[in-house]
Amino acid sequence: MKKLAIVLFLVFTGSLQAQTIFEAARAGNTAELETLLKANKEVLNSADNKGFTPLILASYNNHVETVVYLLKKGASVNEKDLSGNNALMGVCFKGYFEIAKLLIDNGANLDQQNYNNATALIYASTFGHADIVDYLLKKGANKDIKDSRGNTALKHAIMQENEDVMKLLSIKSL
């Protein structure tokens, strides 16, 4: 009976730690993350019920210090959520250049595609984040990848009339 109680305690507290790590990452609470990772380093790349890892949550919520900390601890930059998006795709959607640069410089797969075949470059182009588009291109992102509807990053930039992005993708403004 005592062993069962210990096992249940460990399972329950591990579950609480995993849940709390997502809350800490979402809030950018780096001190809390440090405490949680000291207690259980296995939660670093864990995923919540939507497939969000602590790095995805910290990135998407623009917590630069927390992203830096998680990367130093070895967080995987290419983990995907349930839609197939990684942290880089999220910040390309939101336009967080500093975090995009951190993720790219720490090995994010520039051409990783989600379940709609979209890439980080397609997201940055669609939402007009020219600084991110420029950095992705300089680092070698493939501008010829098409999403599930057959649209490239350039086609998305044209549809959204993102002239700065169109220029970066080698077309003169229309």
N, C-alpha and C. Protein backbone atom coordinates (compact mmCIF):
# COMPACT_ATOMS: atom_id res chain seq x y z
N MET A 1 0.83 -1.19 0.00
CA MET A 1 0.00 0.00 0.00
C MET A 1 0.88 1.26 0.00
N LYS A 2 1.96 1.22 0.77
CA LYS A 2 2.86 2.36 0.85
C LYS A 2 3.51 2.61 -0.51
N LYS A 3 3.88 1.53 -1.22
CA LYS A 3 4.49 1.69 -2.55
C LYS A 3 3.51 2.30 -3.53
N LEU A 4 2.26 1.88 -3.46
CA LEU A 4 1.23 2.42 -4.34
C LEU A 4 1.05 3.92 -4.08
N ALA A 5 1.06 4.31 -2.84
CA ALA A 5 0.91 5.73 -2.48
C ALA A 5 2.10 6.54 -3.02
N ILE A 6 3.29 5.99 -2.95
CA ILE A 6 4.48 6.68 -3.46
C ILE A 6 4.39 6.82 -4.98
N VAL A 7 4.01 5.75 -5.66
CA VAL A 7 3.87 5.79 -7.12
C VAL A 7 2.82 6.82 -7.52
N LEU A 8 1.68 6.80 -6.86
CA LEU A 8 0.62 7.77 -7.17
C LEU A 8 1.09 9.20 -6.91
N PHE A 9 1.83 9.40 -5.84
CA PHE A 9 2.37 10.72 -5.53
C PHE A 9 3.30 11.19 -6.64
N LEU A 10 4.20 10.31 -7.08
CA LEU A 10 5.15 10.68 -8.13
C LEU A 10 4.44 10.97 -9.45
N VAL A 11 3.47 10.17 -9.80
CA VAL A 11 2.71 10.40 -11.03
C VAL A 11 1.96 11.72 -10.94
N PHE A 12 1.31 11.95 -9.82
CA PHE A 12 0.52 13.17 -9.64
C PHE A 12 1.39 14.41 -9.64
N THR A 13 2.51 14.39 -8.92
CA THR A 13 3.37 15.57 -8.88
C THR A 13 4.06 15.79 -10.22
N GLY A 14 4.40 14.72 -10.92
CA GLY A 14 4.98 14.85 -12.26
C GLY A 14 3.99 15.50 -13.20
N SER A 15 2.73 15.13 -13.09
CA SER A 15 1.68 15.71 -13.91
C SER A 15 1.50 17.19 -13.58
N LEU A 16 1.55 17.51 -12.30
CA LEU A 16 1.45 18.91 -11.90
C LEU A 16 2.62 19.72 -12.43
N GLN A 17 3.83 19.14 -12.36
CA GLN A 17 5.00 19.84 -12.87
C GLN A 17 4.87 20.09 -14.36
N ALA A 18 4.39 19.09 -15.09
CA ALA A 18 4.23 19.25 -16.52
C ALA A 18 3.22 20.35 -16.82
N GLN A 19 2.10 20.37 -16.11
CA GLN A 19 1.10 21.40 -16.33
C GLN A 19 1.65 22.77 -15.97
N THR A 20 2.36 22.85 -14.86
CA THR A 20 2.89 24.12 -14.40
C THR A 20 3.96 24.66 -15.35
N ILE A 21 4.74 23.78 -15.97
CA ILE A 21 5.78 24.26 -16.88
C ILE A 21 5.16 25.00 -18.07
N PHE A 22 4.00 24.56 -18.51
CA PHE A 22 3.32 25.24 -19.62
C PHE A 22 2.83 26.62 -19.18
N GLU A 23 2.30 26.69 -17.99
CA GLU A 23 1.85 27.98 -17.45
C GLU A 23 3.03 28.94 -17.28
N ALA A 24 4.14 28.43 -16.76
CA ALA A 24 5.33 29.26 -16.56
C ALA A 24 5.88 29.74 -17.90
N ALA A 25 5.92 28.88 -18.89
CA ALA A 25 6.43 29.26 -20.22
C ALA A 25 5.52 30.30 -20.86
N ARG A 26 4.21 30.08 -20.78
CA ARG A 26 3.23 31.02 -21.35
C ARG A 26 3.36 32.40 -20.71
N ALA A 27 3.64 32.43 -19.42
CA ALA A 27 3.75 33.70 -18.68
C ALA A 27 5.15 34.30 -18.75
N GLY A 28 6.11 33.54 -19.26
CA GLY A 28 7.49 34.05 -19.30
C GLY A 28 8.14 34.05 -17.93
N ASN A 29 7.73 33.13 -17.08
CA ASN A 29 8.27 33.06 -15.72
C ASN A 29 9.50 32.14 -15.72
N THR A 30 10.64 32.71 -16.08
CA THR A 30 11.87 31.96 -16.21
C THR A 30 12.33 31.37 -14.88
N ALA A 31 12.15 32.09 -13.80
CA ALA A 31 12.55 31.58 -12.48
C ALA A 31 11.76 30.32 -12.13
N GLU A 32 10.47 30.33 -12.40
CA GLU A 32 9.64 29.15 -12.14
C GLU A 32 10.06 27.99 -13.03
N LEU A 33 10.37 28.28 -14.29
CA LEU A 33 10.84 27.23 -15.20
C LEU A 33 12.13 26.59 -14.68
N GLU A 34 13.02 27.42 -14.19
CA GLU A 34 14.28 26.91 -13.65
C GLU A 34 14.02 25.97 -12.49
N THR A 35 13.13 26.35 -11.60
CA THR A 35 12.78 25.49 -10.45
C THR A 35 12.17 24.18 -10.93
N LEU A 36 11.25 24.26 -11.88
CA LEU A 36 10.58 23.06 -12.39
C LEU A 36 11.55 22.13 -13.11
N LEU A 37 12.47 22.70 -13.87
CA LEU A 37 13.43 21.87 -14.60
C LEU A 37 14.46 21.24 -13.67
N LYS A 38 14.78 21.90 -12.58
CA LYS A 38 15.67 21.29 -11.59
C LYS A 38 15.01 20.08 -10.95
N ALA A 39 13.71 20.18 -10.76
CA ALA A 39 12.96 19.08 -10.14
C ALA A 39 12.73 17.92 -11.11
N ASN A 40 12.58 18.25 -12.40
CA ASN A 40 12.30 17.20 -13.39
C ASN A 40 12.69 17.71 -14.77
N LYS A 41 13.91 17.41 -15.19
CA LYS A 41 14.40 17.91 -16.48
C LYS A 41 13.68 17.27 -17.67
N GLU A 42 12.93 16.20 -17.43
CA GLU A 42 12.22 15.50 -18.50
C GLU A 42 11.07 16.33 -19.09
N VAL A 43 10.62 17.36 -18.39
CA VAL A 43 9.49 18.15 -18.88
C VAL A 43 9.92 19.23 -19.89
N LEU A 44 11.21 19.36 -20.12
CA LEU A 44 11.72 20.41 -21.01
C LEU A 44 11.06 20.39 -22.39
N ASN A 45 10.94 19.22 -22.98
CA ASN A 45 10.34 19.10 -24.31
C ASN A 45 8.98 18.42 -24.28
N SER A 46 8.34 18.45 -23.12
CA SER A 46 7.01 17.85 -23.01
C SER A 46 6.00 18.71 -23.77
N ALA A 47 4.86 18.13 -24.09
CA ALA A 47 3.83 18.85 -24.83
C ALA A 47 2.50 18.78 -24.09
N ASP A 48 1.75 19.87 -24.18
CA ASP A 48 0.43 19.90 -23.56
C ASP A 48 -0.59 19.23 -24.49
N ASN A 49 -1.86 19.35 -24.18
CA ASN A 49 -2.89 18.66 -24.97
C ASN A 49 -3.07 19.23 -26.38
N LYS A 50 -2.45 20.36 -26.68
CA LYS A 50 -2.49 20.91 -28.04
C LYS A 50 -1.16 20.70 -28.76
N GLY A 51 -0.24 20.03 -28.07
CA GLY A 51 1.07 19.77 -28.64
C GLY A 51 2.05 20.90 -28.43
N PHE A 52 1.68 21.90 -27.64
CA PHE A 52 2.57 23.03 -27.38
C PHE A 52 3.64 22.65 -26.36
N THR A 53 4.88 22.90 -26.70
CA THR A 53 5.99 22.70 -25.78
C THR A 53 6.24 24.01 -25.04
N PRO A 54 7.02 23.96 -23.97
CA PRO A 54 7.37 25.22 -23.30
C PRO A 54 8.02 26.23 -24.25
N LEU A 55 8.88 25.75 -25.16
CA LEU A 55 9.53 26.67 -26.10
C LEU A 55 8.51 27.29 -27.06
N ILE A 56 7.60 26.51 -27.56
CA ILE A 56 6.57 27.06 -28.45
C ILE A 56 5.76 28.13 -27.71
N LEU A 57 5.37 27.85 -26.48
CA LEU A 57 4.56 28.80 -25.71
C LEU A 57 5.33 30.08 -25.39
N ALA A 58 6.57 29.94 -24.95
CA ALA A 58 7.37 31.12 -24.63
C ALA A 58 7.62 31.96 -25.88
N SER A 59 7.89 31.30 -27.00
CA SER A 59 8.14 32.00 -28.26
C SER A 59 6.90 32.75 -28.72
N TYR A 60 5.79 32.06 -28.77
CA TYR A 60 4.55 32.64 -29.27
C TYR A 60 4.08 33.82 -28.42
N ASN A 61 4.46 33.81 -27.15
CA ASN A 61 4.06 34.90 -26.24
C ASN A 61 5.14 35.95 -26.08
N ASN A 62 6.17 35.89 -26.93
CA ASN A 62 7.22 36.91 -27.03
C ASN A 62 8.02 37.11 -25.74
N HIS A 63 8.39 36.00 -25.12
CA HIS A 63 9.20 36.05 -23.90
C HIS A 63 10.64 35.71 -24.24
N VAL A 64 11.39 36.72 -24.67
CA VAL A 64 12.75 36.53 -25.15
C VAL A 64 13.64 35.87 -24.11
N GLU A 65 13.64 36.38 -22.89
CA GLU A 65 14.50 35.84 -21.83
C GLU A 65 14.19 34.36 -21.59
N THR A 66 12.93 34.02 -21.59
CA THR A 66 12.51 32.63 -21.36
C THR A 66 12.94 31.74 -22.52
N VAL A 67 12.82 32.24 -23.74
CA VAL A 67 13.27 31.48 -24.91
C VAL A 67 14.77 31.23 -24.83
N VAL A 68 15.53 32.26 -24.48
CA VAL A 68 16.99 32.10 -24.34
C VAL A 68 17.29 31.03 -23.31
N TYR A 69 16.62 31.09 -22.17
CA TYR A 69 16.84 30.11 -21.11
C TYR A 69 16.53 28.68 -21.59
N LEU A 70 15.38 28.51 -22.22
CA LEU A 70 14.98 27.18 -22.69
C LEU A 70 15.95 26.64 -23.74
N LEU A 71 16.42 27.51 -24.63
CA LEU A 71 17.40 27.07 -25.62
C LEU A 71 18.71 26.65 -24.96
N LYS A 72 19.14 27.40 -23.96
CA LYS A 72 20.37 27.03 -23.23
C LYS A 72 20.23 25.70 -22.53
N LYS A 73 19.02 25.38 -22.10
CA LYS A 73 18.76 24.11 -21.42
C LYS A 73 18.61 22.95 -22.40
N GLY A 74 18.58 23.26 -23.70
CA GLY A 74 18.50 22.20 -24.70
C GLY A 74 17.14 21.93 -25.28
N ALA A 75 16.23 22.88 -25.17
CA ALA A 75 14.89 22.68 -25.75
C ALA A 75 15.01 22.45 -27.25
N SER A 76 14.22 21.53 -27.74
CA SER A 76 14.22 21.21 -29.17
C SER A 76 13.48 22.29 -29.95
N VAL A 77 14.16 22.89 -30.92
CA VAL A 77 13.56 23.99 -31.68
C VAL A 77 12.61 23.50 -32.77
N ASN A 78 12.61 22.22 -33.07
CA ASN A 78 11.80 21.73 -34.18
C ASN A 78 10.61 20.89 -33.76
N GLU A 79 10.28 20.89 -32.47
CA GLU A 79 9.08 20.17 -32.02
C GLU A 79 7.86 20.82 -32.65
N LYS A 80 6.87 20.00 -33.00
CA LYS A 80 5.65 20.50 -33.64
C LYS A 80 4.45 20.39 -32.71
N ASP A 81 3.52 21.32 -32.87
CA ASP A 81 2.25 21.21 -32.16
C ASP A 81 1.33 20.29 -32.96
N LEU A 82 0.09 20.16 -32.56
CA LEU A 82 -0.83 19.25 -33.22
C LEU A 82 -1.21 19.67 -34.65
N SER A 83 -0.90 20.91 -35.02
CA SER A 83 -1.13 21.37 -36.40
C SER A 83 0.13 21.26 -37.25
N GLY A 84 1.19 20.80 -36.62
CA GLY A 84 2.46 20.67 -37.33
C GLY A 84 3.31 21.92 -37.32
N ASN A 85 2.92 22.93 -36.53
CA ASN A 85 3.68 24.18 -36.45
C ASN A 85 4.77 24.06 -35.39
N ASN A 86 5.93 24.63 -35.68
CA ASN A 86 6.99 24.70 -34.68
C ASN A 86 7.06 26.13 -34.13
N ALA A 87 7.96 26.36 -33.21
CA ALA A 87 8.07 27.68 -32.58
C ALA A 87 8.38 28.77 -33.61
N LEU A 88 9.24 28.45 -34.58
CA LEU A 88 9.60 29.45 -35.60
C LEU A 88 8.38 29.88 -36.40
N MET A 89 7.53 28.94 -36.75
CA MET A 89 6.33 29.30 -37.50
C MET A 89 5.45 30.26 -36.70
N GLY A 90 5.33 30.00 -35.41
CA GLY A 90 4.52 30.87 -34.56
C GLY A 90 5.03 32.29 -34.52
N VAL A 91 6.35 32.47 -34.39
CA VAL A 91 6.88 33.83 -34.31
C VAL A 91 6.89 34.51 -35.68
N CYS A 92 6.94 33.72 -36.75
CA CYS A 92 6.83 34.31 -38.10
C CYS A 92 5.42 34.82 -38.35
N PHE A 93 4.44 34.15 -37.79
CA PHE A 93 3.05 34.59 -37.85
C PHE A 93 2.88 35.88 -37.04
N LYS A 94 3.44 35.91 -35.84
CA LYS A 94 3.27 37.06 -34.94
C LYS A 94 4.19 38.23 -35.29
N GLY A 95 5.37 37.95 -35.87
CA GLY A 95 6.29 39.01 -36.25
C GLY A 95 7.35 39.33 -35.21
N TYR A 96 7.73 38.36 -34.40
CA TYR A 96 8.73 38.57 -33.35
C TYR A 96 10.13 38.27 -33.88
N PHE A 97 10.76 39.30 -34.47
CA PHE A 97 12.04 39.11 -35.14
C PHE A 97 13.12 38.58 -34.20
N GLU A 98 13.25 39.15 -33.03
CA GLU A 98 14.32 38.75 -32.12
C GLU A 98 14.25 37.26 -31.78
N ILE A 99 13.05 36.78 -31.53
CA ILE A 99 12.89 35.36 -31.22
C ILE A 99 13.09 34.51 -32.48
N ALA A 100 12.61 34.98 -33.62
CA ALA A 100 12.84 34.24 -34.87
C ALA A 100 14.33 34.06 -35.10
N LYS A 101 15.09 35.12 -34.89
CA LYS A 101 16.55 35.06 -35.07
C LYS A 101 17.17 34.06 -34.09
N LEU A 102 16.74 34.09 -32.85
CA LEU A 102 17.25 33.14 -31.85
C LEU A 102 16.97 31.69 -32.27
N LEU A 103 15.76 31.43 -32.71
CA LEU A 103 15.39 30.07 -33.11
C LEU A 103 16.18 29.61 -34.33
N ILE A 104 16.29 30.50 -35.31
CA ILE A 104 17.04 30.17 -36.53
C ILE A 104 18.51 29.91 -36.18
N ASP A 105 19.08 30.80 -35.37
CA ASP A 105 20.49 30.66 -35.00
C ASP A 105 20.75 29.45 -34.11
N ASN A 106 19.69 28.86 -33.58
CA ASN A 106 19.83 27.67 -32.74
C ASN A 106 19.31 26.41 -33.45
N GLY A 107 19.29 26.46 -34.77
CA GLY A 107 19.04 25.25 -35.54
C GLY A 107 17.62 24.97 -35.98
N ALA A 108 16.73 25.95 -35.90
CA ALA A 108 15.36 25.71 -36.37
C ALA A 108 15.39 25.33 -37.85
N ASN A 109 14.59 24.35 -38.21
CA ASN A 109 14.48 23.91 -39.59
C ASN A 109 13.72 24.98 -40.37
N LEU A 110 14.42 25.67 -41.26
CA LEU A 110 13.83 26.78 -42.00
C LEU A 110 12.70 26.34 -42.92
N ASP A 111 12.77 25.13 -43.42
CA ASP A 111 11.81 24.67 -44.41
C ASP A 111 10.83 23.64 -43.87
N GLN A 112 10.76 23.50 -42.55
CA GLN A 112 9.80 22.56 -41.97
C GLN A 112 8.40 22.99 -42.38
N GLN A 113 7.57 22.03 -42.76
CA GLN A 113 6.21 22.33 -43.20
C GLN A 113 5.21 21.78 -42.19
N ASN A 114 4.12 22.54 -42.01
CA ASN A 114 3.05 22.06 -41.14
C ASN A 114 2.10 21.18 -41.95
N TYR A 115 0.96 20.85 -41.40
CA TYR A 115 0.05 19.93 -42.08
C TYR A 115 -0.69 20.55 -43.26
N ASN A 116 -0.52 21.85 -43.47
CA ASN A 116 -1.02 22.52 -44.67
C ASN A 116 0.13 22.84 -45.61
N ASN A 117 1.29 22.28 -45.32
CA ASN A 117 2.53 22.47 -46.08
C ASN A 117 3.08 23.89 -46.01
N ALA A 118 2.57 24.71 -45.11
CA ALA A 118 3.10 26.07 -44.95
C ALA A 118 4.43 26.02 -44.21
N THR A 119 5.26 27.00 -44.48
CA THR A 119 6.56 27.13 -43.83
C THR A 119 6.63 28.45 -43.06
N ALA A 120 7.70 28.63 -42.33
CA ALA A 120 7.92 29.88 -41.62
C ALA A 120 7.97 31.05 -42.61
N LEU A 121 8.61 30.84 -43.76
CA LEU A 121 8.70 31.89 -44.78
C LEU A 121 7.32 32.26 -45.33
N ILE A 122 6.48 31.27 -45.51
CA ILE A 122 5.12 31.55 -45.98
C ILE A 122 4.36 32.39 -44.94
N TYR A 123 4.50 32.04 -43.67
CA TYR A 123 3.83 32.83 -42.62
C TYR A 123 4.36 34.27 -42.58
N ALA A 124 5.67 34.42 -42.57
CA ALA A 124 6.25 35.76 -42.50
C ALA A 124 5.86 36.59 -43.72
N SER A 125 5.80 35.95 -44.88
CA SER A 125 5.42 36.65 -46.11
C SER A 125 3.95 37.06 -46.10
N THR A 126 3.10 36.17 -45.65
CA THR A 126 1.67 36.43 -45.60
C THR A 126 1.35 37.62 -44.70
N PHE A 127 2.05 37.68 -43.57
CA PHE A 127 1.73 38.72 -42.58
C PHE A 127 2.64 39.94 -42.67
N GLY A 128 3.46 40.00 -43.72
CA GLY A 128 4.23 41.21 -44.02
C GLY A 128 5.39 41.50 -43.09
N HIS A 129 5.99 40.49 -42.54
CA HIS A 129 7.12 40.69 -41.63
C HIS A 129 8.43 40.63 -42.43
N ALA A 130 8.72 41.74 -43.10
CA ALA A 130 9.85 41.80 -44.03
C ALA A 130 11.18 41.52 -43.35
N ASP A 131 11.35 41.96 -42.11
CA ASP A 131 12.62 41.71 -41.42
C ASP A 131 12.86 40.21 -41.24
N ILE A 132 11.82 39.49 -40.91
CA ILE A 132 11.95 38.04 -40.75
C ILE A 132 12.14 37.37 -42.10
N VAL A 133 11.40 37.80 -43.10
CA VAL A 133 11.56 37.25 -44.45
C VAL A 133 13.01 37.42 -44.90
N ASP A 134 13.54 38.60 -44.72
CA ASP A 134 14.91 38.89 -45.12
C ASP A 134 15.90 37.95 -44.41
N TYR A 135 15.73 37.78 -43.13
CA TYR A 135 16.64 36.91 -42.37
C TYR A 135 16.51 35.45 -42.79
N LEU A 136 15.28 34.99 -42.99
CA LEU A 136 15.06 33.62 -43.45
C LEU A 136 15.74 33.38 -44.80
N LEU A 137 15.59 34.33 -45.71
CA LEU A 137 16.21 34.18 -47.02
C LEU A 137 17.73 34.18 -46.92
N LYS A 138 18.28 35.08 -46.09
CA LYS A 138 19.74 35.12 -45.91
C LYS A 138 20.27 33.81 -45.32
N LYS A 139 19.46 33.15 -44.52
CA LYS A 139 19.88 31.89 -43.90
C LYS A 139 19.57 30.67 -44.77
N GLY A 140 18.96 30.91 -45.94
CA GLY A 140 18.77 29.82 -46.89
C GLY A 140 17.39 29.20 -46.98
N ALA A 141 16.37 29.87 -46.47
CA ALA A 141 15.01 29.32 -46.58
C ALA A 141 14.63 29.18 -48.06
N ASN A 142 13.94 28.10 -48.36
CA ASN A 142 13.52 27.80 -49.73
C ASN A 142 12.25 28.57 -50.06
N LYS A 143 12.36 29.54 -50.96
CA LYS A 143 11.20 30.37 -51.31
C LYS A 143 10.29 29.72 -52.33
N ASP A 144 10.66 28.54 -52.83
CA ASP A 144 9.86 27.87 -53.86
C ASP A 144 8.90 26.82 -53.30
N ILE A 145 8.93 26.60 -51.98
CA ILE A 145 8.01 25.62 -51.38
C ILE A 145 6.58 26.14 -51.50
N LYS A 146 5.67 25.22 -51.85
CA LYS A 146 4.26 25.58 -52.00
C LYS A 146 3.45 24.97 -50.86
N ASP A 147 2.45 25.72 -50.41
CA ASP A 147 1.55 25.18 -49.40
C ASP A 147 0.54 24.23 -50.06
N SER A 148 -0.40 23.73 -49.30
CA SER A 148 -1.34 22.73 -49.82
C SER A 148 -2.28 23.29 -50.90
N ARG A 149 -2.33 24.60 -51.03
CA ARG A 149 -3.14 25.22 -52.09
C ARG A 149 -2.30 25.62 -53.30
N GLY A 150 -1.01 25.27 -53.23
CA GLY A 150 -0.12 25.55 -54.36
C GLY A 150 0.48 26.94 -54.36
N ASN A 151 0.40 27.64 -53.23
CA ASN A 151 0.91 29.01 -53.14
C ASN A 151 2.28 29.06 -52.49
N THR A 152 3.19 29.79 -53.10
CA THR A 152 4.51 30.04 -52.52
C THR A 152 4.45 31.25 -51.60
N ALA A 153 5.55 31.54 -50.94
CA ALA A 153 5.64 32.74 -50.09
C ALA A 153 5.38 33.98 -50.93
N LEU A 154 5.93 34.02 -52.14
CA LEU A 154 5.72 35.16 -53.02
C LEU A 154 4.24 35.35 -53.35
N LYS A 155 3.57 34.27 -53.67
CA LYS A 155 2.13 34.35 -54.00
C LYS A 155 1.34 34.90 -52.81
N HIS A 156 1.69 34.47 -51.61
CA HIS A 156 1.02 35.00 -50.41
C HIS A 156 1.30 36.49 -50.24
N ALA A 157 2.54 36.90 -50.47
CA ALA A 157 2.89 38.31 -50.36
C ALA A 157 2.11 39.14 -51.38
N ILE A 158 1.96 38.61 -52.59
CA ILE A 158 1.19 39.31 -53.63
C ILE A 158 -0.27 39.42 -53.22
N MET A 159 -0.84 38.33 -52.76
CA MET A 159 -2.26 38.34 -52.36
C MET A 159 -2.52 39.34 -51.23
N GLN A 160 -1.54 39.51 -50.35
CA GLN A 160 -1.71 40.43 -49.21
C GLN A 160 -1.17 41.83 -49.51
N GLU A 161 -0.65 42.02 -50.71
CA GLU A 161 -0.07 43.30 -51.14
C GLU A 161 1.05 43.76 -50.22
N ASN A 162 1.88 42.83 -49.82
CA ASN A 162 3.04 43.14 -48.97
C ASN A 162 4.23 43.46 -49.88
N GLU A 163 4.30 44.72 -50.30
CA GLU A 163 5.29 45.13 -51.29
C GLU A 163 6.73 44.94 -50.84
N ASP A 164 7.03 45.24 -49.60
CA ASP A 164 8.40 45.06 -49.12
C ASP A 164 8.81 43.59 -49.20
N VAL A 165 7.88 42.72 -48.86
CA VAL A 165 8.15 41.29 -48.92
C VAL A 165 8.26 40.84 -50.37
N MET A 166 7.42 41.35 -51.24
CA MET A 166 7.50 40.99 -52.66
C MET A 166 8.88 41.33 -53.21
N LYS A 167 9.39 42.49 -52.84
CA LYS A 167 10.73 42.90 -53.32
C LYS A 167 11.79 41.93 -52.82
N LEU A 168 11.68 41.54 -51.57
CA LEU A 168 12.65 40.60 -51.03
C LEU A 168 12.59 39.24 -51.73
N LEU A 169 11.42 38.88 -52.16
CA LEU A 169 11.23 37.59 -52.84
C LEU A 169 11.42 37.72 -54.36
N SER A 170 12.09 38.80 -54.76
CA SER A 170 12.52 39.02 -56.15
C SER A 170 11.42 39.34 -57.13
N ILE A 171 10.54 40.22 -56.73
CA ILE A 171 9.55 40.74 -57.68
C ILE A 171 9.40 42.23 -57.42
N LYS A 172 9.23 42.96 -58.44
CA LYS A 172 8.99 44.39 -58.27
C LYS A 172 7.54 44.59 -57.86
N SER A 173 7.30 45.62 -57.10
CA SER A 173 5.92 45.87 -56.65
C SER A 173 5.01 46.09 -57.84
N LEU A 174 3.79 45.66 -57.66
CA LEU A 174 2.81 45.75 -58.76
C LEU A 174 2.13 47.09 -58.78
